[in-house]
Amino acid sequence: MDIDGPKTDDTKTEDPKEVVRRGYDAVSRLYDDAYGAETKYAALLADLCRRLPVGSTVLDVGCGSGVPVARTLVEAGHQVTGVDISEVQIRRAQERVPQAQFIRGDATAVTFEPGSFDAVVCLYALIHIPLAEQPPLLRRIAGWLRPGGWFVATTGHGAWTGTEQNWLGGGAPMWWSHADAATNRAWITGAGLTVEREEFLPEGDAGHALFWARRPAQGD
């Protein structure tokens, strides 16, 4: 998400999750073109694949159209489940990565058995969830991980909440809600995960934080 350009902080007129859902329904293909879906995250995904045994189970929270995350992980021999609030994104993901399982739903409402996944990936998705709902979701994600499992996520780097009209020229607004990097780190560690690495990802005049965190292995 590029936080340059015309914005407003008026989020009171409508459920922000509905703004996000409709926004991604409108810009699914535009988003892939704007952010280079075929090539983005290459180094990150290669790093993750090196850390996971073949056949690992991976949850992609905010999976979008399935490319590149689900497709890359499936091609590496992993079992992938993707969740996204946008019906259009899920339909495209099912078409593009038929080997994966995709669920259309609110990430804060889906349920999985404890210890279901070897890794959970959440790229540019937490920033579309209301701030009050982010810490509970992180706690649930920690519970879905097996001991030693990885959580890889982008979060806000600076605190900001607001909307942009006609995002990417798709004819619909988009809504974001960022905590700052220190708050996100505290939320992740408070969920019971150990932060192994933190990076700043620049974008325009601002950027995001990238966290690599791990559920402690048994005996740690």
C-alpha atoms as a PDB file:
ATOM      1  CA  MET A   1       0.000   0.000   0.000  1.00  0.00           C
ATOM      2  CA  ASP A   2       1.385   3.379  -1.034  1.00  0.00           C
ATOM      3  CA  ILE A   3       0.351   5.963   1.536  1.00  0.00           C
ATOM      4  CA  ASP A   4       1.132   8.899  -0.748  1.00  0.00           C
ATOM      5  CA  GLY A   5      -1.725  10.710  -2.490  1.00  0.00           C
ATOM      6  CA  PRO A   6      -5.126  12.029  -1.412  1.00  0.00           C
ATOM      7  CA  LYS A   7      -6.416  10.452   1.783  1.00  0.00           C
ATOM      8  CA  THR A   8      -8.973  11.093   4.474  1.00  0.00           C
ATOM      9  CA  ASP A   9      -9.289   9.766   8.013  1.00  0.00           C
ATOM     10  CA  ASP A  10     -13.103   9.506   7.771  1.00  0.00           C
ATOM     11  CA  THR A  11     -13.765   5.835   8.632  1.00  0.00           C
ATOM     12  CA  LYS A  12     -16.994   6.330  10.593  1.00  0.00           C
ATOM     13  CA  THR A  13     -19.556   6.184   7.815  1.00  0.00           C
ATOM     14  CA  GLU A  14     -19.214   2.489   6.934  1.00  0.00           C
ATOM     15  CA  ASP A  15     -17.828  -0.793   8.224  1.00  0.00           C
ATOM     16  CA  PRO A  16     -14.153  -0.570   7.176  1.00  0.00           C
ATOM     17  CA  LYS A  17     -14.021  -4.298   6.399  1.00  0.00           C
ATOM     18  CA  GLU A  18     -16.731  -3.771   3.802  1.00  0.00           C
ATOM     19  CA  VAL A  19     -14.666  -0.960   2.300  1.00  0.00           C
ATOM     20  CA  VAL A  20     -11.687  -3.330   2.095  1.00  0.00           C
ATOM     21  CA  ARG A  21     -13.753  -6.178   0.644  1.00  0.00           C
ATOM     22  CA  ARG A  22     -15.312  -4.049  -2.069  1.00  0.00           C
ATOM     23  CA  GLY A  23     -12.036  -2.315  -2.762  1.00  0.00           C
ATOM     24  CA  TYR A  24     -10.190  -5.544  -3.514  1.00  0.00           C
ATOM     25  CA  ASP A  25     -13.149  -6.867  -5.500  1.00  0.00           C
ATOM     26  CA  ALA A  26     -12.754  -3.767  -7.668  1.00  0.00           C
ATOM     27  CA  VAL A  27      -8.956  -3.693  -8.062  1.00  0.00           C
ATOM     28  CA  SER A  28      -7.920  -7.365  -8.016  1.00  0.00           C
ATOM     29  CA  ARG A  29      -6.263  -7.308 -11.428  1.00  0.00           C
ATOM     30  CA  LEU A  30      -5.115  -3.697 -11.132  1.00  0.00           C
ATOM     31  CA  TYR A  31      -3.403  -4.545  -7.844  1.00  0.00           C
ATOM     32  CA  ASP A  32      -1.480  -7.432  -9.405  1.00  0.00           C
ATOM     33  CA  ASP A  33      -0.326  -5.189 -12.239  1.00  0.00           C
ATOM     34  CA  ALA A  34       0.567  -2.256  -9.986  1.00  0.00           C
ATOM     35  CA  TYR A  35       2.637  -4.313  -7.543  1.00  0.00           C
ATOM     36  CA  GLY A  36       4.188  -6.871  -9.893  1.00  0.00           C
ATOM     37  CA  ALA A  37       2.487 -10.042  -8.687  1.00  0.00           C
ATOM     38  CA  GLU A  38       4.647 -12.299 -10.841  1.00  0.00           C
ATOM     39  CA  THR A  39       7.922 -11.188  -9.264  1.00  0.00           C
ATOM     40  CA  LYS A  40       7.258  -9.578  -5.863  1.00  0.00           C
ATOM     41  CA  TYR A  41       8.346 -11.290  -2.625  1.00  0.00           C
ATOM     42  CA  ALA A  42      10.807 -13.519  -4.510  1.00  0.00           C
ATOM     43  CA  ALA A  43      13.607 -13.236  -1.954  1.00  0.00           C
ATOM     44  CA  LEU A  44      11.223 -13.497   1.016  1.00  0.00           C
ATOM     45  CA  LEU A  45       9.533 -16.620  -0.330  1.00  0.00           C
ATOM     46  CA  ALA A  46      12.859 -18.242  -1.195  1.00  0.00           C
ATOM     47  CA  ASP A  47      14.010 -17.584   2.372  1.00  0.00           C
ATOM     48  CA  LEU A  48      10.817 -19.082   3.796  1.00  0.00           C
ATOM     49  CA  CYS A  49      11.059 -22.167   1.593  1.00  0.00           C
ATOM     50  CA  ARG A  50      14.620 -22.776   2.815  1.00  0.00           C
ATOM     51  CA  ARG A  51      13.299 -22.843   6.378  1.00  0.00           C
ATOM     52  CA  LEU A  52      10.412 -25.265   5.755  1.00  0.00           C
ATOM     53  CA  PRO A  53      10.626 -29.026   5.156  1.00  0.00           C
ATOM     54  CA  VAL A  54       8.932 -30.126   1.933  1.00  0.00           C
ATOM     55  CA  GLY A  55       5.297 -30.912   2.594  1.00  0.00           C
ATOM     56  CA  SER A  56       4.852 -28.250   5.267  1.00  0.00           C
ATOM     57  CA  THR A  57       1.406 -26.769   5.876  1.00  0.00           C
ATOM     58  CA  VAL A  58       1.205 -23.009   5.336  1.00  0.00           C
ATOM     59  CA  LEU A  59      -1.630 -20.538   5.946  1.00  0.00           C
ATOM     60  CA  ASP A  60      -1.669 -17.391   3.804  1.00  0.00           C
ATOM     61  CA  VAL A  61      -3.764 -14.729   5.582  1.00  0.00           C
ATOM     62  CA  GLY A  62      -4.909 -12.147   3.043  1.00  0.00           C
ATOM     63  CA  CYS A  63      -3.942 -14.419   0.158  1.00  0.00           C
ATOM     64  CA  GLY A  64      -5.227 -12.135  -2.583  1.00  0.00           C
ATOM     65  CA  SER A  65      -5.273 -13.725  -6.032  1.00  0.00           C
ATOM     66  CA  GLY A  66      -2.916 -16.531  -4.980  1.00  0.00           C
ATOM     67  CA  VAL A  67       0.142 -15.172  -6.807  1.00  0.00           C
ATOM     68  CA  PRO A  68       2.901 -15.220  -5.894  1.00  0.00           C
ATOM     69  CA  VAL A  69       2.646 -16.596  -2.345  1.00  0.00           C
ATOM     70  CA  ALA A  70       0.351 -19.613  -2.681  1.00  0.00           C
ATOM     71  CA  ARG A  71       1.640 -20.518  -6.123  1.00  0.00           C
ATOM     72  CA  THR A  72       5.296 -20.345  -5.091  1.00  0.00           C
ATOM     73  CA  LEU A  73       4.736 -22.403  -1.939  1.00  0.00           C
ATOM     74  CA  VAL A  74       2.697 -25.043  -3.775  1.00  0.00           C
ATOM     75  CA  GLU A  75       5.401 -25.318  -6.434  1.00  0.00           C
ATOM     76  CA  ALA A  76       7.924 -25.861  -3.617  1.00  0.00           C
ATOM     77  CA  GLY A  77       5.911 -28.846  -2.402  1.00  0.00           C
ATOM     78  CA  HIS A  78       3.941 -27.291   0.455  1.00  0.00           C
ATOM     79  CA  GLN A  79       0.262 -27.581   1.353  1.00  0.00           C
ATOM     80  CA  VAL A  80      -1.303 -24.125   1.289  1.00  0.00           C
ATOM     81  CA  THR A  81      -4.533 -22.721   2.669  1.00  0.00           C
ATOM     82  CA  GLY A  82      -5.402 -19.146   1.762  1.00  0.00           C
ATOM     83  CA  VAL A  83      -7.948 -16.811   3.383  1.00  0.00           C
ATOM     84  CA  ASP A  84      -9.176 -13.538   1.923  1.00  0.00           C
ATOM     85  CA  ILE A  85     -12.202 -11.291   2.467  1.00  0.00           C
ATOM     86  CA  SER A  86     -12.606 -10.542  -1.260  1.00  0.00           C
ATOM     87  CA  GLU A  87     -14.771 -12.891  -3.307  1.00  0.00           C
ATOM     88  CA  VAL A  88     -13.052 -11.802  -6.530  1.00  0.00           C
ATOM     89  CA  GLN A  89      -9.595 -12.448  -5.088  1.00  0.00           C
ATOM     90  CA  ILE A  90     -10.594 -15.907  -3.878  1.00  0.00           C
ATOM     91  CA  ARG A  91     -12.177 -16.826  -7.212  1.00  0.00           C
ATOM     92  CA  ARG A  92      -9.027 -15.799  -9.060  1.00  0.00           C
ATOM     93  CA  ALA A  93      -6.825 -17.647  -6.559  1.00  0.00           C
ATOM     94  CA  GLN A  94      -8.812 -20.847  -7.083  1.00  0.00           C
ATOM     95  CA  GLU A  95      -8.359 -20.516 -10.835  1.00  0.00           C
ATOM     96  CA  ARG A  96      -4.647 -19.691 -10.663  1.00  0.00           C
ATOM     97  CA  VAL A  97      -3.571 -22.122  -7.924  1.00  0.00           C
ATOM     98  CA  PRO A  98      -6.015 -25.052  -8.007  1.00  0.00           C
ATOM     99  CA  GLN A  99      -3.685 -27.194  -5.878  1.00  0.00           C
ATOM    100  CA  ALA A 100      -4.256 -24.954  -2.840  1.00  0.00           C
ATOM    101  CA  GLN A 101      -7.337 -24.557  -0.652  1.00  0.00           C
ATOM    102  CA  PHE A 102      -8.918 -21.106  -0.463  1.00  0.00           C
ATOM    103  CA  ILE A 103     -11.501 -19.758   1.968  1.00  0.00           C
ATOM    104  CA  ARG A 104     -13.487 -16.572   1.440  1.00  0.00           C
ATOM    105  CA  GLY A 105     -13.872 -15.014   4.861  1.00  0.00           C
ATOM    106  CA  ASP A 106     -12.854 -12.496   7.475  1.00  0.00           C
ATOM    107  CA  ALA A 107      -9.442 -13.499   8.833  1.00  0.00           C
ATOM    108  CA  THR A 108     -10.531 -12.490  12.335  1.00  0.00           C
ATOM    109  CA  ALA A 109     -13.461 -14.944  12.211  1.00  0.00           C
ATOM    110  CA  VAL A 110     -12.033 -18.091  10.587  1.00  0.00           C
ATOM    111  CA  THR A 111     -11.070 -20.990  12.831  1.00  0.00           C
ATOM    112  CA  PHE A 112      -8.424 -23.702  12.612  1.00  0.00           C
ATOM    113  CA  GLU A 113      -7.321 -26.419  14.981  1.00  0.00           C
ATOM    114  CA  PRO A 114      -4.412 -25.555  17.290  1.00  0.00           C
ATOM    115  CA  GLY A 115      -1.048 -26.465  15.802  1.00  0.00           C
ATOM    116  CA  SER A 116      -2.410 -26.786  12.253  1.00  0.00           C
ATOM    117  CA  PHE A 117       0.388 -24.981  10.400  1.00  0.00           C
ATOM    118  CA  ASP A 118       4.151 -24.986  10.058  1.00  0.00           C
ATOM    119  CA  ALA A 119       4.038 -21.360   8.900  1.00  0.00           C
ATOM    120  CA  VAL A 120       1.590 -18.475   8.634  1.00  0.00           C
ATOM    121  CA  VAL A 121       2.231 -15.737   6.092  1.00  0.00           C
ATOM    122  CA  CYS A 122       0.389 -12.399   6.330  1.00  0.00           C
ATOM    123  CA  LEU A 123       1.643  -9.838   3.820  1.00  0.00           C
ATOM    124  CA  TYR A 124      -0.044  -6.418   3.585  1.00  0.00           C
ATOM    125  CA  ALA A 125      -3.193  -7.785   5.237  1.00  0.00           C
ATOM    126  CA  LEU A 126      -2.988  -6.879   8.942  1.00  0.00           C
ATOM    127  CA  ILE A 127      -2.940  -3.248   7.855  1.00  0.00           C
ATOM    128  CA  HIS A 128      -6.523  -3.637   6.587  1.00  0.00           C
ATOM    129  CA  ILE A 129      -7.851  -4.921   9.939  1.00  0.00           C
ATOM    130  CA  PRO A 130      -9.141  -2.576  12.672  1.00  0.00           C
ATOM    131  CA  LEU A 131      -6.457  -1.966  15.292  1.00  0.00           C
ATOM    132  CA  ALA A 132      -8.504  -3.411  18.156  1.00  0.00           C
ATOM    133  CA  GLU A 133      -8.837  -6.705  16.269  1.00  0.00           C
ATOM    134  CA  GLN A 134      -5.168  -7.119  15.403  1.00  0.00           C
ATOM    135  CA  PRO A 135      -3.816  -8.347  18.790  1.00  0.00           C
ATOM    136  CA  PRO A 136      -6.553 -11.014  19.184  1.00  0.00           C
ATOM    137  CA  LEU A 137      -5.854 -12.215  15.635  1.00  0.00           C
ATOM    138  CA  LEU A 138      -2.137 -12.449  16.367  1.00  0.00           C
ATOM    139  CA  ARG A 139      -2.869 -14.562  19.440  1.00  0.00           C
ATOM    140  CA  ARG A 140      -5.021 -16.885  17.358  1.00  0.00           C
ATOM    141  CA  ILE A 141      -2.321 -17.138  14.690  1.00  0.00           C
ATOM    142  CA  ALA A 142       0.220 -18.089  17.362  1.00  0.00           C
ATOM    143  CA  GLY A 143      -2.122 -20.871  18.454  1.00  0.00           C
ATOM    144  CA  TRP A 144      -2.513 -22.150  14.889  1.00  0.00           C
ATOM    145  CA  LEU A 145       1.257 -22.592  14.594  1.00  0.00           C
ATOM    146  CA  ARG A 146       3.029 -25.778  15.557  1.00  0.00           C
ATOM    147  CA  PRO A 147       5.952 -25.422  17.990  1.00  0.00           C
ATOM    148  CA  GLY A 148       8.857 -24.031  15.987  1.00  0.00           C
ATOM    149  CA  GLY A 149       6.506 -22.690  13.293  1.00  0.00           C
ATOM    150  CA  TRP A 150       7.167 -19.423  11.487  1.00  0.00           C
ATOM    151  CA  PHE A 151       5.046 -16.270  11.305  1.00  0.00           C
ATOM    152  CA  VAL A 152       6.065 -13.893   8.504  1.00  0.00           C
ATOM    153  CA  ALA A 153       4.126 -10.641   8.342  1.00  0.00           C
ATOM    154  CA  THR A 154       4.213  -7.075   7.143  1.00  0.00           C
ATOM    155  CA  THR A 155       2.719  -4.461   9.448  1.00  0.00           C
ATOM    156  CA  GLY A 156       2.567  -0.720   9.678  1.00  0.00           C
ATOM    157  CA  HIS A 157       5.818   1.077  10.457  1.00  0.00           C
ATOM    158  CA  GLY A 158       4.245   4.375  11.450  1.00  0.00           C
ATOM    159  CA  ALA A 159       0.820   4.769  13.051  1.00  0.00           C
ATOM    160  CA  TRP A 160      -1.881   5.875  10.604  1.00  0.00           C
ATOM    161  CA  THR A 161      -5.531   5.090   9.876  1.00  0.00           C
ATOM    162  CA  GLY A 162      -7.466   6.393   6.896  1.00  0.00           C
ATOM    163  CA  THR A 163      -8.910   5.891   3.451  1.00  0.00           C
ATOM    164  CA  GLU A 164      -7.989   6.676  -0.130  1.00  0.00           C
ATOM    165  CA  GLN A 165     -10.694   7.342  -2.706  1.00  0.00           C
ATOM    166  CA  ASN A 166     -10.534   5.640  -6.127  1.00  0.00           C
ATOM    167  CA  TRP A 167      -7.564   3.519  -5.075  1.00  0.00           C
ATOM    168  CA  LEU A 168      -5.398   2.453  -8.043  1.00  0.00           C
ATOM    169  CA  GLY A 169      -8.037   3.986 -10.324  1.00  0.00           C
ATOM    170  CA  GLY A 170     -10.388   1.080  -9.645  1.00  0.00           C
ATOM    171  CA  GLY A 171     -13.403   3.231  -8.828  1.00  0.00           C
ATOM    172  CA  ALA A 172     -13.595   2.222  -5.139  1.00  0.00           C
ATOM    173  CA  PRO A 173     -12.042   3.502  -1.900  1.00  0.00           C
ATOM    174  CA  MET A 174      -9.607   1.550   0.263  1.00  0.00           C
ATOM    175  CA  TRP A 175      -9.083   1.644   4.046  1.00  0.00           C
ATOM    176  CA  TRP A 176      -5.994   0.989   6.190  1.00  0.00           C
ATOM    177  CA  SER A 177      -5.192   0.964   9.890  1.00  0.00           C
ATOM    178  CA  HIS A 178      -1.540   0.894  10.984  1.00  0.00           C
ATOM    179  CA  ALA A 179       0.025   0.660  14.397  1.00  0.00           C
ATOM    180  CA  ASP A 180       3.684   1.664  14.583  1.00  0.00           C
ATOM    181  CA  ALA A 181       6.483  -0.887  14.398  1.00  0.00           C
ATOM    182  CA  ALA A 182       7.184  -0.913  18.145  1.00  0.00           C
ATOM    183  CA  THR A 183       3.535  -1.576  18.914  1.00  0.00           C
ATOM    184  CA  ASN A 184       3.400  -4.373  16.343  1.00  0.00           C
ATOM    185  CA  ARG A 185       6.498  -5.960  17.827  1.00  0.00           C
ATOM    186  CA  ALA A 186       4.913  -5.816  21.293  1.00  0.00           C
ATOM    187  CA  TRP A 187       1.705  -7.375  19.977  1.00  0.00           C
ATOM    188  CA  ILE A 188       3.609 -10.201  18.266  1.00  0.00           C
ATOM    189  CA  THR A 189       5.697 -11.013  21.333  1.00  0.00           C
ATOM    190  CA  GLY A 190       2.620 -10.641  23.530  1.00  0.00           C
ATOM    191  CA  ALA A 191       0.962 -13.340  21.410  1.00  0.00           C
ATOM    192  CA  GLY A 192       3.689 -15.739  22.516  1.00  0.00           C
ATOM    193  CA  LEU A 193       5.958 -15.525  19.468  1.00  0.00           C
ATOM    194  CA  THR A 194       9.669 -14.729  19.395  1.00  0.00           C
ATOM    195  CA  VAL A 195      10.723 -12.072  16.886  1.00  0.00           C
ATOM    196  CA  GLU A 196      13.800 -13.363  15.071  1.00  0.00           C
ATOM    197  CA  ARG A 197      14.182 -10.532  12.571  1.00  0.00           C
ATOM    198  CA  GLU A 198      12.656  -7.132  11.823  1.00  0.00           C
ATOM    199  CA  GLU A 199      13.189  -5.079   8.666  1.00  0.00           C
ATOM    200  CA  PHE A 200      11.962  -1.799   7.223  1.00  0.00           C
ATOM    201  CA  LEU A 201      10.437  -2.036   3.745  1.00  0.00           C
ATOM    202  CA  PRO A 202      10.394   1.424   2.125  1.00  0.00           C
ATOM    203  CA  GLU A 203       7.460   2.461  -0.063  1.00  0.00           C
ATOM    204  CA  GLY A 204       7.086   5.947  -1.412  1.00  0.00           C
ATOM    205  CA  ASP A 205       7.744   8.436   1.395  1.00  0.00           C
ATOM    206  CA  ALA A 206       6.920   5.852   4.073  1.00  0.00           C
ATOM    207  CA  GLY A 207       7.003   2.053   4.341  1.00  0.00           C
ATOM    208  CA  HIS A 208       6.146  -1.027   6.340  1.00  0.00           C
ATOM    209  CA  ALA A 209       7.754  -3.316   8.897  1.00  0.00           C
ATOM    210  CA  LEU A 210       8.519  -6.939   8.057  1.00  0.00           C
ATOM    211  CA  PHE A 211       8.642  -9.372  10.961  1.00  0.00           C
ATOM    212  CA  TRP A 212       9.972 -12.924  11.057  1.00  0.00           C
ATOM    213  CA  ALA A 213       8.733 -14.504  14.271  1.00  0.00           C
ATOM    214  CA  ARG A 214       8.585 -18.041  15.594  1.00  0.00           C
ATOM    215  CA  ARG A 215       6.513 -20.007  18.037  1.00  0.00           C
ATOM    216  CA  PRO A 216       9.025 -21.385  20.548  1.00  0.00           C
ATOM    217  CA  ALA A 217       9.809 -25.037  20.009  1.00  0.00           C
ATOM    218  CA  GLN A 218       9.143 -27.478  22.809  1.00  0.00           C
ATOM    219  CA  GLY A 219      11.981 -27.274  25.285  1.00  0.00           C
ATOM    220  CA  ASP A 220      12.992 -23.704  24.366  1.00  0.00           C
END
